[in-house]
């Protein structure tokens, strides 16, 4: 097998790659890089790490994802949520160990994801409900914005939770520096203003809608550039004490395995696991959304390998945990990217920027970068989704609110975990008492509906109980109690039909309960029957002795059961005399 064949088998996007794609990918890479450089610096600031670590997180992780991921448009690199989670973890260790701790987090997170990918664990993403993820991101966005107020107002804001950060911010607000505050707040206002009115102005200037939208998405570059130039030109750092990025080493990342004691690795393993799950779920959600717009699909198992490889690359090059970026992926999609080669090109452009333009950025105000982060977080606030969930399902909304308040009160590391646990608890609670209804037939039809809601035909001797939930250990006893109540309610009953159109599974505990029900009904001279049972459930029942002990029959349809079991009409009430005139 030659090298080309091997590459085509493992990297599908290389198959059919056309020379015409190259220009589109290159343009997308240039546009993406222009936005990525200031964002990387800002997210490193959020993570509590030197600015260059953000740039390092944008190089080799992006290349690794291009060769192992499945999305054509997902832009992998430093993002707000993983940056904040990293900050929450490394802020608890001594300052001299923070860089190596961040790299260890990335390496372990990548190891977890790669292991799940090799085990075909892509279904892991289904454990996180959309309301929980949306509420978790909303809570995280609030914490991210609060964490940046110390740079915008140039004051001390301590703590990692809302209950700690908000009082600290309010108590120190009187000490805010005027010029940095104006720069930070001005950055946010300018970005919001351009987002709201920029498209209209550009359209009036004669630009096409597609090009105008792209320029508006890149408006942060204009704002950051203006703030950097004005700060350096007016000498705001020297005159008013405006904090800036300063000199950033123009050095490319080097491969180096993070070295630390075993106890330190153990202390970070839970946090790395949670970071890996959050990064994966976020990345898959973004990838699936963009794939649907392009009528393609992403493979969750391959996404595990892709995001895992990106994090391993980050850990080995002195960076920190990475994930898919919503804003950069959207730009990647709208700018006409054709393949993951954009990720490789973007990494090369960022590497070139490190070697060439970093000295120019030394006057970039920290307040501007913080304002850029706060502006980005506005798109992560999803209070409307939480409200819509509340209107539709109180149970789902309570799990979402649980995740939201867990992020604010307990910490960002455990928010999504608590939300997921709450989802499972509510799910089990709802299935503890499966929805069961007595059904009857619409006269003259083969349709069977809820007897409490409709006028239907019923028989005292034959009763039907429809079960609208799979049967398992948690609700098996409830079914026994429900059948016992029916026996008391209908003393003339001689046949009970369990109608099972929604029963997709019967576990061992539920099977034992069905045997108990069958025996109890037999003692009362009542036969137990089943109808509308799924083929896979019926096939599994054949593996046990239940069907042999069943006192009744298994009917293919409910109508077949009623036709076979309903009592004969009492013909004696009709006269056998026929009067013919």
Protein backbone atom coordinates (compact mmCIF):
# COMPACT_ATOMS: atom_id res chain seq x y z
CA UNK A 1 0.00 0.00 0.00
CA UNK A 2 1.54 3.32 -1.07
CA UNK A 3 1.50 6.51 0.98
CA UNK A 4 -1.24 8.17 -1.08
CA UNK A 5 -3.64 5.25 -0.58
CA UNK A 6 -2.94 5.25 3.15
CA UNK A 7 -3.64 8.97 3.43
CA UNK A 8 -6.88 8.73 1.47
CA UNK A 9 -8.15 5.93 3.68
CA UNK A 10 -7.45 7.79 6.92
CA UNK A 11 -8.09 11.39 5.87
CA UNK A 12 -11.23 11.47 3.71
CA UNK A 13 -11.05 15.19 2.98
CA UNK A 14 -7.88 14.61 0.92
CA UNK A 15 -9.89 12.39 -1.39
CA UNK A 16 -11.10 14.51 -4.28
CA UNK A 17 -9.33 17.66 -3.12
CA UNK A 18 -9.26 20.00 -6.10
CA UNK A 19 -6.68 22.60 -6.97
CA UNK A 20 -9.50 25.17 -7.11
CA UNK A 21 -10.15 24.68 -3.39
CA UNK A 22 -6.70 26.00 -2.54
CA UNK A 23 -7.49 29.68 -3.09
CA UNK A 24 -10.70 29.53 -1.04
CA UNK A 25 -8.96 27.72 1.80
CA UNK A 26 -6.07 30.18 1.77
CA UNK A 27 -8.40 33.20 1.93
CA UNK A 28 -10.32 31.60 4.81
CA UNK A 29 -7.06 30.88 6.62
CA UNK A 30 -5.89 34.49 6.28
CA UNK A 31 -9.22 35.87 7.53
CA UNK A 32 -9.28 33.38 10.40
CA UNK A 33 -5.71 34.17 11.42
CA UNK A 34 -6.42 37.90 11.60
CA UNK A 35 -9.13 37.19 14.20
CA UNK A 36 -7.29 34.35 15.90
CA UNK A 37 -4.19 36.29 16.97
CA UNK A 38 -5.94 38.83 19.25
CA UNK A 39 -8.40 36.18 20.45
CA UNK A 40 -5.57 33.85 21.40
CA UNK A 41 -3.89 36.61 23.38
CA UNK A 42 -7.18 37.43 25.10
CA UNK A 43 -7.97 33.82 26.03
CA UNK A 44 -4.47 33.32 27.45
CA UNK A 45 -5.20 36.35 29.61
CA UNK A 46 -8.46 34.70 30.70
CA UNK A 47 -6.64 31.47 31.54
CA UNK A 48 -4.17 33.36 33.73
CA UNK A 49 -1.22 32.40 31.50
CA UNK A 50 1.40 34.35 29.51
CA UNK A 51 0.04 35.71 26.18
CA UNK A 52 2.23 33.44 24.05
CA UNK A 53 0.52 30.31 25.41
CA UNK A 54 -2.67 31.38 23.66
CA UNK A 55 -0.78 31.61 20.37
CA UNK A 56 0.83 28.23 21.01
CA UNK A 57 -2.66 26.75 21.52
CA UNK A 58 -3.54 27.94 18.02
CA UNK A 59 -0.72 26.22 16.08
CA UNK A 60 -0.12 22.49 16.56
CA UNK A 61 -3.60 21.72 17.98
CA UNK A 62 -5.13 23.13 14.81
CA UNK A 63 -2.87 20.96 12.65
CA UNK A 64 -3.60 17.85 14.72
CA UNK A 65 -7.36 18.33 14.45
CA UNK A 66 -7.15 18.78 10.67
CA UNK A 67 -5.80 15.25 10.30
CA UNK A 68 -7.88 13.46 12.93
CA UNK A 69 -11.20 15.34 13.12
CA UNK A 70 -14.25 14.93 10.91
CA UNK A 71 -15.61 18.48 10.53
CA UNK A 72 -14.60 20.57 7.53
CA UNK A 73 -15.34 23.86 9.26
CA UNK A 74 -14.58 23.42 12.95
CA UNK A 75 -11.82 25.79 14.07
CA UNK A 76 -10.03 24.26 17.06
CA UNK A 77 -7.90 26.33 19.42
CA UNK A 78 -8.18 28.43 22.58
CA UNK A 79 -11.78 29.18 23.61
CA UNK A 80 -13.40 31.03 26.49
CA UNK A 81 -14.84 28.09 28.44
CA UNK A 82 -11.74 25.89 28.50
CA UNK A 83 -9.66 28.99 29.28
CA UNK A 84 -11.81 29.79 32.31
CA UNK A 85 -11.81 26.16 33.45
CA UNK A 86 -8.03 26.10 33.14
CA UNK A 87 -7.77 29.32 35.17
CA UNK A 88 -10.03 27.87 37.87
CA UNK A 89 -7.72 24.87 38.23
CA UNK A 90 -4.25 26.38 37.94
CA UNK A 91 -5.08 29.32 40.20
CA UNK A 92 -5.01 26.83 43.08
CA UNK A 93 -1.38 25.82 42.45
CA UNK A 94 1.79 27.89 43.06
CA UNK A 95 2.57 30.36 40.29
CA UNK A 96 5.76 28.60 39.23
CA UNK A 97 3.77 25.41 38.46
CA UNK A 98 0.93 27.02 36.51
CA UNK A 99 2.43 26.70 33.02
CA UNK A 100 3.28 23.04 33.44
CA UNK A 101 -0.08 22.39 35.12
CA UNK A 102 -1.93 23.87 32.13
CA UNK A 103 0.04 21.64 29.76
CA UNK A 104 -0.69 18.62 31.99
CA UNK A 105 -4.41 19.40 31.87
CA UNK A 106 -4.32 19.51 28.06
CA UNK A 107 -2.33 16.28 27.83
CA UNK A 108 -4.63 14.36 30.18
CA UNK A 109 -7.79 15.78 28.56
CA UNK A 110 -6.46 14.68 25.18
CA UNK A 111 -5.66 11.25 26.58
CA UNK A 112 -9.21 10.81 27.90
CA UNK A 113 -10.77 11.88 24.59
CA UNK A 114 -8.47 9.68 22.53
CA UNK A 115 -9.27 6.70 24.75
CA UNK A 116 -13.01 7.32 24.37
CA UNK A 117 -12.56 7.65 20.61
CA UNK A 118 -10.72 4.33 20.37
CA UNK A 119 -13.55 2.74 22.38
CA UNK A 120 -16.13 4.21 19.96
CA UNK A 121 -17.57 6.35 22.73
CA UNK A 122 -19.06 9.07 20.53
CA UNK A 123 -22.46 8.44 22.12
CA UNK A 124 -20.99 10.12 25.19
CA UNK A 125 -22.28 13.43 23.81
CA UNK A 126 -25.88 12.21 24.14
CA UNK A 127 -25.59 12.15 27.93
CA UNK A 128 -25.51 15.95 27.96
CA UNK A 129 -28.94 17.38 27.23
CA UNK A 130 -29.16 20.57 25.20
CA UNK A 131 -30.90 22.58 27.96
CA UNK A 132 -28.15 21.60 30.41
CA UNK A 133 -25.35 22.55 27.99
CA UNK A 134 -27.08 25.84 27.11
CA UNK A 135 -27.56 26.76 30.78
CA UNK A 136 -24.02 25.69 31.63
CA UNK A 137 -22.58 27.93 28.90
CA UNK A 138 -24.75 30.84 30.10
CA UNK A 139 -23.45 30.48 33.65
CA UNK A 140 -19.88 30.16 32.41
CA UNK A 141 -20.28 33.31 30.28
CA UNK A 142 -21.31 35.30 33.36
CA UNK A 143 -18.24 34.11 35.26
CA UNK A 144 -16.01 34.87 32.27
CA UNK A 145 -17.30 38.43 32.07
CA UNK A 146 -16.85 38.96 35.81
CA UNK A 147 -13.31 37.65 35.62
CA UNK A 148 -12.44 40.31 33.03
CA UNK A 149 -13.65 43.29 35.03
CA UNK A 150 -10.31 43.43 36.84
CA UNK A 151 -8.61 44.23 33.51
CA UNK A 152 -11.30 46.59 32.23
CA UNK A 153 -11.43 48.69 35.41
CA UNK A 154 -7.86 47.82 36.47
CA UNK A 155 -8.94 46.81 39.98
CA UNK A 156 -8.58 43.71 42.13
CA UNK A 157 -11.32 41.06 41.66
CA UNK A 158 -10.73 37.91 43.69
CA UNK A 159 -12.45 34.53 43.82
CA UNK A 160 -13.56 31.90 41.31
CA UNK A 161 -17.30 31.80 42.06
CA UNK A 162 -20.04 34.37 41.55
CA UNK A 163 -20.60 34.77 45.31
CA UNK A 164 -16.91 35.66 45.71
CA UNK A 165 -16.26 37.66 42.54
CA UNK A 166 -19.28 39.97 42.57
CA UNK A 167 -18.79 41.32 46.14
CA UNK A 168 -15.07 41.73 45.43
CA UNK A 169 -15.80 43.70 42.26
CA UNK A 170 -18.40 45.97 43.90
CA UNK A 171 -16.21 46.70 46.92
CA UNK A 172 -13.23 47.70 44.75
CA UNK A 173 -15.15 49.56 42.03
CA UNK A 174 -14.42 52.92 43.66
CA UNK A 175 -10.72 52.36 42.91
CA UNK A 176 -11.32 51.93 39.16
CA UNK A 177 -8.86 53.76 36.88
CA UNK A 178 -10.59 56.14 34.49
CA UNK A 179 -8.56 55.69 31.28
CA UNK A 180 -8.43 51.84 31.28
CA UNK A 181 -12.15 51.82 32.14
CA UNK A 182 -12.90 54.06 29.15
CA UNK A 183 -10.80 51.84 26.88
CA UNK A 184 -12.45 48.61 28.08
CA UNK A 185 -16.03 49.89 28.09
CA UNK A 186 -15.39 51.76 24.82
CA UNK A 187 -14.22 48.51 23.22
CA UNK A 188 -17.44 46.75 24.21
CA UNK A 189 -19.67 49.63 23.06
CA UNK A 190 -17.82 49.96 19.75
CA UNK A 191 -18.12 46.25 19.02
CA UNK A 192 -21.84 46.22 19.84
CA UNK A 193 -22.38 49.34 17.73
CA UNK A 194 -20.57 47.87 14.72
CA UNK A 195 -22.47 44.61 15.07
CA UNK A 196 -25.80 46.43 15.08
CA UNK A 197 -25.19 49.08 12.41
CA UNK A 198 -22.07 47.97 10.53
CA UNK A 199 -23.90 45.72 8.08
CA UNK A 200 -26.35 48.48 7.17
CA UNK A 201 -23.54 50.98 6.55
CA UNK A 202 -21.53 48.58 4.43
CA UNK A 203 -24.59 47.67 2.37
CA UNK A 204 -25.29 51.38 1.79
CA UNK A 205 -21.66 51.70 0.68
CA UNK A 206 -22.40 49.19 -2.08
CA UNK A 207 -20.81 46.00 -0.71
CA UNK A 208 -22.41 42.64 -1.33
CA UNK A 209 -24.28 41.17 1.62
CA UNK A 210 -21.90 38.23 1.99
CA UNK A 211 -18.80 40.43 2.00
CA UNK A 212 -20.42 42.96 4.33
CA UNK A 213 -21.28 40.24 6.86
CA UNK A 214 -17.73 38.94 6.78
CA UNK A 215 -16.29 42.40 7.42
CA UNK A 216 -18.68 42.91 10.36
CA UNK A 217 -17.53 39.61 11.87
CA UNK A 218 -13.95 40.84 11.58
CA UNK A 219 -14.78 44.21 13.17
CA UNK A 220 -13.02 43.18 16.43
CA UNK A 221 -9.75 43.44 14.52
CA UNK A 222 -10.48 47.06 13.64
CA UNK A 223 -11.33 47.95 17.24
CA UNK A 224 -8.29 46.15 18.69
CA UNK A 225 -6.03 47.76 16.08
CA UNK A 226 -7.30 51.28 16.79
CA UNK A 227 -6.92 50.81 20.56
CA UNK A 228 -3.38 49.47 20.16
CA UNK A 229 -2.27 52.29 17.88
CA UNK A 230 -3.79 55.03 20.05
CA UNK A 231 -2.30 53.58 23.24
CA UNK A 232 1.20 53.51 21.75
CA UNK A 233 0.92 56.86 19.96
CA UNK A 234 -0.51 58.78 22.93
CA UNK A 235 1.74 57.04 25.45
CA UNK A 236 -1.21 56.00 27.62
CA UNK A 237 0.86 53.36 29.36
CA UNK A 238 3.38 55.86 30.67
CA UNK A 239 0.98 58.78 31.30
CA UNK A 240 -2.01 57.00 32.82
CA UNK A 241 -0.68 53.60 33.82
CA UNK A 242 -2.70 51.68 31.24
CA UNK A 243 -1.65 48.02 31.46
CA UNK A 244 -0.59 46.50 28.14
CA UNK A 245 0.53 43.11 26.90
CA UNK A 246 4.15 44.19 26.74
CA UNK A 247 6.91 42.33 24.96
CA UNK A 248 5.94 38.80 23.88
CA UNK A 249 8.79 36.38 23.07
CA UNK A 250 8.95 35.84 19.31
CA UNK A 251 9.62 32.13 19.79
CA UNK A 252 7.75 29.20 18.27
CA UNK A 253 6.46 26.44 20.58
CA UNK A 254 8.75 23.51 21.21
CA UNK A 255 7.77 19.92 21.86
CA UNK A 256 8.34 19.05 25.49
CA UNK A 257 6.63 16.55 27.77
CA UNK A 258 5.39 18.26 30.97
CA UNK A 259 7.29 16.84 33.93
CA UNK A 260 5.84 16.80 37.44
CA UNK A 261 5.48 14.52 40.43
CA UNK A 262 2.89 11.75 40.33
CA UNK A 263 0.90 13.37 43.13
CA UNK A 264 0.48 16.52 41.04
CA UNK A 265 -0.80 14.47 38.09
CA UNK A 266 -3.34 12.80 40.38
CA UNK A 267 -4.53 16.14 41.75
CA UNK A 268 -5.43 17.35 38.23
CA UNK A 269 -7.01 14.21 36.79
CA UNK A 270 -10.66 14.97 37.74
CA UNK A 271 -10.42 18.52 36.39
CA UNK A 272 -8.82 17.24 33.16
CA UNK A 273 -11.66 14.74 32.74
CA UNK A 274 -14.32 17.44 33.15
CA UNK A 275 -12.48 19.79 30.76
CA UNK A 276 -12.29 17.01 28.17
CA UNK A 277 -16.04 16.35 28.38
CA UNK A 278 -16.99 20.03 28.14
CA UNK A 279 -14.61 20.64 25.23
CA UNK A 280 -15.87 17.60 23.36
CA UNK A 281 -19.58 18.39 23.79
CA UNK A 282 -19.02 22.00 22.76
CA UNK A 283 -17.00 20.98 19.70
CA UNK A 284 -19.47 18.32 18.54
CA UNK A 285 -22.41 20.73 18.91
CA UNK A 286 -20.68 23.36 16.77
CA UNK A 287 -19.52 20.79 14.20
CA UNK A 288 -22.98 19.27 13.85
CA UNK A 289 -24.63 22.67 13.44
CA UNK A 290 -22.29 23.72 10.62
CA UNK A 291 -22.40 20.29 8.98
CA UNK A 292 -26.20 20.45 8.83
CA UNK A 293 -25.99 23.77 6.98
CA UNK A 294 -23.71 22.16 4.39
CA UNK A 295 -25.69 18.88 4.20
CA UNK A 296 -22.77 16.90 5.55
CA UNK A 297 -22.23 15.15 8.87
CA UNK A 298 -19.61 14.79 11.55
CA UNK A 299 -18.62 11.50 13.15
CA UNK A 300 -18.70 11.82 16.98
CA UNK A 301 -16.16 9.00 17.35
CA UNK A 302 -13.77 10.73 14.99
CA UNK A 303 -14.42 14.01 16.77
CA UNK A 304 -13.21 12.40 19.98
CA UNK A 305 -9.98 11.48 18.22
CA UNK A 306 -9.68 14.91 16.59
CA UNK A 307 -10.24 17.00 19.70
CA UNK A 308 -8.17 14.49 21.69
CA UNK A 309 -5.23 14.79 19.27
CA UNK A 310 -5.52 18.60 19.40
CA UNK A 311 -5.29 18.60 23.20
CA UNK A 312 -2.37 16.19 23.21
CA UNK A 313 -0.58 18.49 20.76
CA UNK A 314 -1.37 21.44 23.05
CA UNK A 315 0.00 19.61 26.08
CA UNK A 316 3.24 18.71 24.30
CA UNK A 317 3.87 22.27 23.06
CA UNK A 318 3.45 24.29 26.25
CA UNK A 319 -0.16 25.33 25.63
CA UNK A 320 -3.39 24.52 27.52
CA UNK A 321 -6.73 22.73 26.79
CA UNK A 322 -8.42 23.61 23.50
CA UNK A 323 -11.81 23.04 21.87
CA UNK A 324 -13.90 24.13 18.90
CA UNK A 325 -14.64 27.86 18.67
CA UNK A 326 -18.15 28.93 17.67
CA UNK A 327 -17.19 32.39 16.37
CA UNK A 328 -14.13 31.28 14.40
CA UNK A 329 -15.91 28.20 13.01
CA UNK A 330 -18.77 30.41 11.79
CA UNK A 331 -16.26 32.67 10.03
CA UNK A 332 -14.56 29.61 8.59
CA UNK A 333 -17.91 28.47 7.19
CA UNK A 334 -19.05 31.86 5.86
CA UNK A 335 -15.70 32.72 4.26
CA UNK A 336 -15.91 29.72 1.93
CA UNK A 337 -13.57 27.15 3.49
CA UNK A 338 -13.53 23.92 1.50
CA UNK A 339 -11.57 21.54 3.72
CA UNK A 340 -9.71 21.10 7.05
CA UNK A 341 -6.59 22.25 5.23
CA UNK A 342 -7.64 25.71 6.46
CA UNK A 343 -6.55 24.63 9.94
CA UNK A 344 -3.06 23.78 8.71
CA UNK A 345 -2.78 27.06 6.80
CA UNK A 346 -4.05 29.06 9.79
CA UNK A 347 -1.44 27.47 12.04
CA UNK A 348 1.31 28.44 9.60
CA UNK A 349 0.06 32.04 9.40
CA UNK A 350 -0.08 32.31 13.21
CA UNK A 351 3.46 30.90 13.43
CA UNK A 352 4.59 33.52 10.92
CA UNK A 353 2.84 36.23 12.95
CA UNK A 354 4.74 35.17 16.08
CA UNK A 355 8.03 35.65 14.27
CA UNK A 356 7.13 38.97 12.63
CA UNK A 357 4.38 41.18 14.10
CA UNK A 358 4.44 40.47 17.85
CA UNK A 359 6.63 43.51 18.65
CA UNK A 360 3.95 45.73 17.09
CA UNK A 361 1.35 44.37 19.53
CA UNK A 362 3.23 45.26 22.72
CA UNK A 363 1.06 48.40 23.18
CA UNK A 364 -2.20 46.41 23.06
CA UNK A 365 -4.17 47.34 26.23
CA UNK A 366 -5.28 44.51 28.48
CA UNK A 367 -8.58 46.40 28.86
CA UNK A 368 -9.18 46.02 25.12
CA UNK A 369 -8.55 42.28 25.20
CA UNK A 370 -10.85 41.97 28.22
CA UNK A 371 -13.50 43.97 26.38
CA UNK A 372 -13.14 41.62 23.41
CA UNK A 373 -13.75 38.63 25.71
CA UNK A 374 -16.80 40.27 27.33
CA UNK A 375 -18.21 41.08 23.90
CA UNK A 376 -17.71 37.47 22.78
CA UNK A 377 -19.55 36.24 25.88
CA UNK A 378 -22.74 38.13 24.97
CA UNK A 379 -23.39 35.55 22.25
CA UNK A 380 -23.08 32.78 24.84
CA UNK A 381 -25.90 34.10 27.05
CA UNK A 382 -28.97 31.96 26.38
CA UNK A 383 -31.58 33.11 28.89
CA UNK A 384 -34.22 32.92 26.16
CA UNK A 385 -33.51 29.22 25.68
CA UNK A 386 -33.85 28.61 29.42
CA UNK A 387 -37.20 30.44 29.44
CA UNK A 388 -38.45 28.48 26.40
CA UNK A 389 -37.44 25.26 28.12
CA UNK A 390 -39.33 26.31 31.25
CA UNK A 391 -42.47 26.96 29.19
CA UNK A 392 -42.22 23.58 27.49
CA UNK A 393 -40.96 21.27 30.25
CA UNK A 394 -40.54 22.18 33.90
CA UNK A 395 -38.41 19.08 34.56
CA UNK A 396 -35.92 19.94 31.79
CA UNK A 397 -35.88 23.56 32.94
CA UNK A 398 -35.08 22.57 36.52
CA UNK A 399 -32.10 20.52 35.36
CA UNK A 400 -30.93 23.47 33.25
CA UNK A 401 -31.31 25.87 36.19
CA UNK A 402 -29.46 23.37 38.38
CA UNK A 403 -26.52 23.44 35.96
CA UNK A 404 -26.69 27.25 35.73
CA UNK A 405 -26.60 27.86 39.48
CA UNK A 406 -24.05 25.09 40.00
CA UNK A 407 -21.66 26.95 37.70
CA UNK A 408 -22.18 30.21 39.59
CA UNK A 409 -22.17 28.83 43.13
CA UNK A 410 -20.08 25.65 43.04
CA UNK A 411 -17.69 26.32 40.19
CA UNK A 412 -17.41 25.98 36.45
CA UNK A 413 -15.66 22.59 36.68
CA UNK A 414 -18.68 20.88 38.21
CA UNK A 415 -21.57 22.74 36.58
CA UNK A 416 -22.09 20.43 33.61
CA UNK A 417 -21.52 17.35 35.78
CA UNK A 418 -24.18 18.42 38.28
CA UNK A 419 -26.55 19.28 35.45
CA UNK A 420 -26.08 15.86 33.87
CA UNK A 421 -26.64 14.09 37.19
CA UNK A 422 -29.84 16.10 37.69
CA UNK A 423 -31.00 15.13 34.18
CA UNK A 424 -30.55 11.47 34.99
CA UNK A 425 -32.29 11.83 38.36
CA UNK A 426 -35.32 13.52 36.75
CA UNK A 427 -35.39 10.91 33.99
CA UNK A 428 -35.43 8.07 36.50
CA UNK A 429 -38.03 9.88 38.60
CA UNK A 430 -40.33 10.30 35.60
CA UNK A 431 -40.00 6.65 34.60
CA UNK A 432 -40.59 5.38 38.15
CA UNK A 433 -44.30 5.72 37.44
CA UNK A 434 -44.78 4.92 33.74
CA UNK A 435 -47.81 6.45 32.08
CA UNK A 436 -50.51 3.76 31.88
CA UNK A 437 -54.08 4.18 30.63
CA UNK A 438 -57.11 1.98 30.15
CA UNK A 439 -58.07 1.94 26.49
CA UNK A 440 -61.16 1.05 24.49
CA UNK A 441 -62.21 0.87 20.86
CA UNK A 442 -63.93 3.54 18.80
CA UNK A 443 -67.16 1.89 17.64
CA UNK A 444 -66.92 0.47 14.14
CA UNK A 445 -63.14 0.99 13.88
CA UNK A 446 -59.85 -0.68 14.81
CA UNK A 447 -58.60 2.35 16.73
CA UNK A 448 -58.02 2.17 20.49
CA UNK A 449 -57.74 5.27 22.66
CA UNK A 450 -57.74 6.46 26.28
CA UNK A 451 -61.06 5.50 27.86
CA UNK A 452 -60.97 8.52 30.20
CA UNK A 453 -60.74 10.99 27.31
CA UNK A 454 -62.95 9.45 24.63
CA UNK A 455 -66.26 7.62 24.32
CA UNK A 456 -65.10 4.12 23.48
CA UNK A 457 -66.39 0.56 23.57
CA UNK A 458 -65.35 -1.46 26.64
CA UNK A 459 -66.18 -4.88 28.07
CA UNK A 460 -66.43 -5.82 31.74
CA UNK A 461 -64.78 -9.18 31.10
CA UNK A 462 -61.87 -7.85 29.01
CA UNK A 463 -59.75 -4.89 30.04
CA UNK A 464 -56.77 -3.33 28.28
CA UNK A 465 -53.96 -1.46 29.99
CA UNK A 466 -51.67 0.47 27.64
CA UNK A 467 -48.10 0.95 28.92
CA UNK A 468 -46.35 4.04 27.56
CA UNK A 469 -42.84 3.36 28.88
CA UNK A 470 -40.18 0.68 28.76
CA UNK A 471 -40.22 -1.63 31.78
CA UNK A 472 -37.16 -1.85 33.98
CA UNK A 473 -36.19 -2.36 37.62
CA UNK A 474 -37.26 1.14 38.75
CA UNK A 475 -40.89 0.94 37.56
CA UNK A 476 -41.60 -2.81 37.67
CA UNK A 477 -43.20 -2.65 41.14
CA UNK A 478 -45.42 0.24 40.04
CA UNK A 479 -46.86 -1.96 37.27
CA UNK A 480 -47.67 -4.67 39.83
CA UNK A 481 -49.57 -2.12 41.94
CA UNK A 482 -51.45 -0.75 38.91
CA UNK A 483 -52.64 -4.22 37.89
CA UNK A 484 -53.70 -4.97 41.47
CA UNK A 485 -55.86 -1.80 41.44
CA UNK A 486 -57.50 -2.91 38.18
CA UNK A 487 -58.39 -6.27 39.72
CA UNK A 488 -60.19 -4.53 42.57
CA UNK A 489 -61.84 -2.02 40.25
CA UNK A 490 -63.26 -4.61 37.82
CA UNK A 491 -64.45 -7.74 39.68
CA UNK A 492 -65.94 -9.24 36.49
CA UNK A 493 -62.62 -9.07 34.59
CA UNK A 494 -61.49 -12.44 33.18
CA UNK A 495 -58.89 -11.25 30.65
CA UNK A 496 -56.29 -8.51 31.01
CA UNK A 497 -54.40 -7.30 27.93
CA UNK A 498 -51.17 -5.36 28.40
CA UNK A 499 -50.90 -3.21 25.28
CA UNK A 500 -47.18 -2.52 24.71
CA UNK A 501 -46.61 -0.23 21.67
CA UNK A 502 -44.14 1.96 23.58
CA UNK A 503 -42.33 -0.82 25.45
CA UNK A 504 -38.90 -1.01 23.82
CA UNK A 505 -37.19 -2.94 26.60
CA UNK A 506 -38.06 -5.30 29.44
CA UNK A 507 -35.18 -5.94 31.80
CA UNK A 508 -34.75 -8.92 34.14
CA UNK A 509 -36.45 -7.21 37.09
CA UNK A 510 -39.47 -6.22 34.99
CA UNK A 511 -39.67 -9.74 33.59
CA UNK A 512 -39.83 -11.11 37.14
CA UNK A 513 -42.65 -8.68 37.90
CA UNK A 514 -44.58 -9.85 34.83
CA UNK A 515 -44.26 -13.42 36.08
CA UNK A 516 -45.57 -12.33 39.49
CA UNK A 517 -48.51 -10.53 37.83
CA UNK A 518 -49.21 -13.61 35.69
CA UNK A 519 -49.28 -15.91 38.76
CA UNK A 520 -51.47 -13.58 40.83
CA UNK A 521 -53.99 -13.22 38.01
CA UNK A 522 -54.00 -17.00 37.50
CA UNK A 523 -54.99 -17.46 41.15
CA UNK A 524 -57.93 -15.14 40.52
CA UNK A 525 -58.94 -17.02 37.33
CA UNK A 526 -57.81 -14.11 35.13
CA UNK A 527 -55.68 -14.64 32.03
CA UNK A 528 -52.85 -12.26 31.13
CA UNK A 529 -52.31 -11.35 27.46
CA UNK A 530 -49.88 -9.12 25.58
CA UNK A 531 -50.45 -7.13 22.39
CA UNK A 532 -48.53 -4.89 19.95
CA UNK A 533 -45.17 -5.99 21.32
CA UNK A 534 -42.04 -5.02 19.40
CA UNK A 535 -40.27 -7.85 17.61
CA UNK A 536 -36.99 -7.38 19.48
CA UNK A 537 -38.77 -7.45 22.85
CA UNK A 538 -40.75 -10.56 21.88
CA UNK A 539 -37.57 -12.23 20.64
CA UNK A 540 -35.86 -11.54 23.98
CA UNK A 541 -38.84 -12.99 25.86
CA UNK A 542 -38.33 -16.24 23.93
CA UNK A 543 -34.96 -16.55 25.70
CA UNK A 544 -36.80 -16.97 29.00
CA UNK A 545 -39.59 -19.28 30.18
CA UNK A 546 -42.09 -16.41 30.47
CA UNK A 547 -44.04 -17.26 27.32
CA UNK A 548 -44.35 -20.86 28.46
CA UNK A 549 -45.85 -19.77 31.80
CA UNK A 550 -48.05 -17.04 30.29
CA UNK A 551 -51.68 -17.97 30.92
CA UNK A 552 -52.90 -16.03 27.89
CA UNK A 553 -51.59 -15.24 24.41
CA UNK A 554 -49.36 -12.75 22.65
CA UNK A 555 -51.42 -10.93 19.99
CA UNK A 556 -49.93 -9.13 17.05
CA UNK A 557 -52.39 -6.20 17.25
CA UNK A 558 -54.76 -4.90 19.89
CA UNK A 559 -57.73 -5.36 17.55
CA UNK A 560 -56.83 -9.03 17.11
CA UNK A 561 -56.82 -9.42 20.90
CA UNK A 562 -60.23 -7.82 21.40
CA UNK A 563 -61.79 -9.81 18.55
CA UNK A 564 -60.52 -13.03 20.12
CA UNK A 565 -61.37 -12.23 23.74
CA UNK A 566 -64.53 -10.14 23.74
CA UNK A 567 -67.62 -11.94 25.05
CA UNK A 568 -70.30 -13.20 22.68
CA UNK A 569 -73.37 -10.95 22.44
CA UNK A 570 -76.40 -12.01 24.50
CA UNK A 571 -78.69 -13.03 21.65
CA UNK A 572 -81.51 -13.94 24.07
CA UNK A 573 -82.46 -10.29 24.34
CA UNK A 574 -83.37 -10.31 20.68
CA UNK A 575 -86.64 -11.91 19.49
CA UNK A 576 -86.33 -14.77 17.01
CA UNK A 577 -89.72 -13.82 15.49
CA UNK A 578 -89.49 -12.00 12.19
CA UNK A 579 -92.57 -10.14 11.18
CA UNK A 580 -92.86 -9.84 7.41
CA UNK A 581 -95.45 -7.53 5.92
